[in-house]
Protein backbone atom coordinates (compact mmCIF):
# COMPACT_ATOMS: atom_id res chain seq x y z
CA MET A 1 23.61 -8.06 20.33
CA HIS A 2 21.40 -10.50 18.36
CA ALA A 3 20.61 -9.14 14.47
CA GLU A 4 17.29 -10.18 13.72
CA ASP A 5 17.02 -11.53 9.77
CA HIS A 6 14.10 -10.05 7.91
CA SER A 7 15.58 -11.00 4.21
CA HIS A 8 12.71 -12.85 3.53
CA VAL A 9 10.67 -9.92 3.66
CA GLY A 10 8.60 -8.63 0.51
CA GLN A 11 9.69 -12.28 -1.26
CA GLY A 12 6.17 -12.86 -1.63
CA PRO A 13 2.44 -12.42 -1.26
CA VAL A 14 0.48 -10.87 1.70
CA LEU A 15 -2.06 -12.10 3.13
CA LEU A 16 -4.85 -9.51 4.50
CA ASP A 17 -7.31 -10.08 6.99
CA ILE A 18 -9.84 -7.51 7.00
CA GLY A 19 -13.67 -6.74 6.80
CA GLY A 20 -15.99 -5.49 9.06
CA ASP A 21 -14.11 -2.04 10.76
CA VAL A 22 -10.82 -3.55 9.80
CA GLY A 23 -8.82 -2.15 6.84
CA ALA A 24 -5.69 -1.42 5.73
CA LEU A 25 -2.95 0.32 4.70
CA ILE A 26 -0.46 0.19 2.06
CA VAL A 27 2.07 3.25 1.45
CA ASP A 28 4.29 4.14 -1.55
CA LEU A 29 7.16 5.33 -0.77
CA PRO A 30 10.72 6.84 -2.37
CA ALA A 31 13.66 4.27 -2.53
CA SER A 32 15.95 6.00 -0.47
CA LEU A 33 13.46 5.74 2.79
CA GLU A 34 14.17 1.34 2.25
CA GLY A 35 14.92 -0.17 5.51
CA VAL A 36 13.62 2.95 7.51
CA GLU A 37 10.76 2.32 10.24
CA ILE A 38 7.38 4.27 9.44
CA GLU A 39 5.72 4.53 12.67
CA ILE A 40 1.38 4.98 12.41
CA ARG A 41 -0.78 6.48 15.12
CA PRO A 42 -4.97 7.38 15.64
CA ILE A 43 -6.00 10.97 15.16
CA GLY A 44 -8.26 12.33 17.75
CA VAL A 45 -8.19 9.44 20.22
CA ALA A 46 -6.05 8.08 22.94
CA PRO A 47 -3.34 5.56 21.51
CA PRO A 48 -2.28 2.31 22.04
CA ALA A 49 0.31 1.41 24.65
CA ARG A 50 1.88 0.30 21.76
CA LEU A 51 1.85 1.54 18.84
CA GLU A 52 2.83 0.03 15.07
CA HIS A 53 5.41 0.12 13.20
CA VAL A 54 6.74 -1.13 9.95
CA GLY A 55 9.89 -0.77 7.40
CA VAL A 56 9.90 0.20 3.96
CA VAL A 57 10.71 -2.85 1.43
CA GLY A 58 10.59 -3.14 -2.08
CA ARG A 59 8.41 -5.49 -3.37
CA PRO A 60 8.29 -6.96 -6.88
CA ALA A 61 5.22 -5.38 -8.78
CA ASP A 62 4.79 -4.95 -12.37
CA GLY A 63 7.82 -5.59 -13.55
CA LYS A 64 9.98 -3.47 -10.86
CA THR A 65 10.35 -2.56 -7.69
CA ARG A 66 8.26 -0.83 -5.63
CA TYR A 67 9.25 0.64 -2.13
CA THR A 68 5.98 0.06 0.35
CA ALA A 69 5.17 -0.02 4.12
CA LEU A 70 1.93 -2.24 4.81
CA PHE A 71 -0.20 -1.70 7.39
CA GLY A 72 -2.09 -5.12 7.10
CA GLN A 73 -5.01 -4.63 10.05
CA LEU A 74 -5.95 -1.21 11.41
CA THR A 75 -9.16 -0.35 12.58
CA GLU A 76 -11.50 2.28 10.74
CA GLY A 77 -10.44 5.76 11.60
CA ARG A 78 -8.15 8.48 10.63
CA TYR A 79 -3.91 8.15 11.34
CA GLU A 80 -0.77 9.90 10.82
CA LEU A 81 2.61 8.38 9.93
CA TYR A 82 6.07 9.71 10.67
CA GLN A 83 9.64 8.20 10.50
CA ARG A 84 10.39 6.68 13.72
CA PRO A 85 11.46 7.42 16.22
CA ASP A 86 10.01 10.99 16.61
CA GLY A 87 9.76 12.42 12.88
CA PRO A 88 7.36 15.06 12.22
CA VAL A 89 3.92 13.83 10.46
CA THR A 90 4.24 13.22 7.18
CA ILE A 91 0.85 12.15 6.05
CA GLN A 92 -2.38 11.62 6.94
CA VAL A 93 -5.04 8.73 5.92
CA ALA A 94 -8.30 7.86 7.00
CA ILE A 95 -9.02 3.81 6.85
CA ASP A 96 -12.26 2.55 6.34
CA GLY A 97 -13.34 -1.03 7.55
CA GLY A 98 -13.06 -3.80 4.98
CA LYS A 99 -10.81 -1.78 2.37
CA VAL A 100 -7.36 -1.10 1.35
CA ARG A 101 -6.36 2.66 1.20
CA TYR A 102 -3.58 3.79 -0.82
CA ALA A 103 -1.31 6.36 -0.25
CA THR A 104 2.15 8.23 -1.10
CA TRP A 105 5.13 9.50 0.88
CA PRO A 106 6.13 12.53 -0.96
CA ALA A 107 9.59 12.51 -2.00
């Protein structure tokens, strides 16, 4: 089995392509969740064939490391997030087009 190298993730700036009905979400998480995959799914509508998920990575900010999950392109609407593969829903968020939403994962 081939393991992918993701050591470069979190090492530089992130470019978001938002506008119109597309927004983004940044979730702050506890350091203990570094490397965990967080999945997001729409609430009240049929989910896409493939749900989006991202890994929790440490990113430098204000002289310290913040552990975040970044969802860079989300269509406007309400979403729920949980730890993959089948963790309980931990937070719900509303995404507005053209804006970045910030959320905090409970410790």
